């Protein structure tokens, strides 16, 4: 790494940059004081070697700080969970809402902040939220007897979850010409403003057909900014899924592809059991799990991912 005067503009490393420049002047002073005295020349050479070594250490420290800043900038500032009802009609919709409540309660247990962006879209903000929830992407299915089922027949319903990292600096820049924007009135609680002003925003990304809606903010501008964040995250996810498919053989030892169409988990109510098919592990006490007690599941997935010995779920499980 070469020294740059721009380092002094960064508050985190300005003090190191100033020390580097002070040492440079010290080295110049040592050389200027030598004259024709060979003894002084030897001492100056030793001083300069010491100064250059210290400058090398300073540059290494600056590089480390800048790398950490870059990593923190790229890290998600929050995560959006987008849930959708799948097969199973009304029962699937009920299950999707139950999953959303499960994640809300888990976030509360962890001390994270949550906000409902739009019905089945939930934002979670807090340290470690993305790392904990990133493996929830995929199809979740529930097997149970619905309350409306009079014959006692077991139904299987599904809901899909997409986990979208929201970054301070999005990975994908979106051209304004590629966006179609619609406005509508926000629904639900929120006072008189909700029913009178069109604050809800829907964005449609014309090249991909991806659409995003945000209605949680109190202003149209804020909803537009939130929708843009989610849209950028969706484009990132689309890119990652494409990469995963292209390098499927290389990723076979990892936890799936991160694709929402991949079945990952079954909630069997009659047997009071949750099974994650990717790591082939099960947990009991579904009421406790649905109340947000996901710690052991999250830890098992993180451990499996770190070990690299986990494959995607097969279709016949």
Foldseek 3Di string as FASTA:
>chain_A
DDDDPCLCVDPVLVVLNVVLVVLVVVLVVQVVPQPPPVVSVVVSVVSNVVSVVVSVVSVVVSVVVVVVVVVQQFAFQKKKKAKFWDPDPPVSVVVLQLQQLLQVLQLVVVVWDWFAFDRSMMITGDPCRCLLCLLQFAKEKEWAQDPPRPVRDIDITIMGIAMFGQGPDFPDDADPVQKDKDWAAADDDDPPLRVPDGQKMKIARNVVRDIFIGRRDSHNVVRVVVRVRRVSRVVVLVVQLVVCVVPVVVLQLAADSSHRHAYFWYCYVVVQKIAGQFAGDIDGDVVVSSSHPCVVVSVVNSVSRVVSRTGGGDPVD
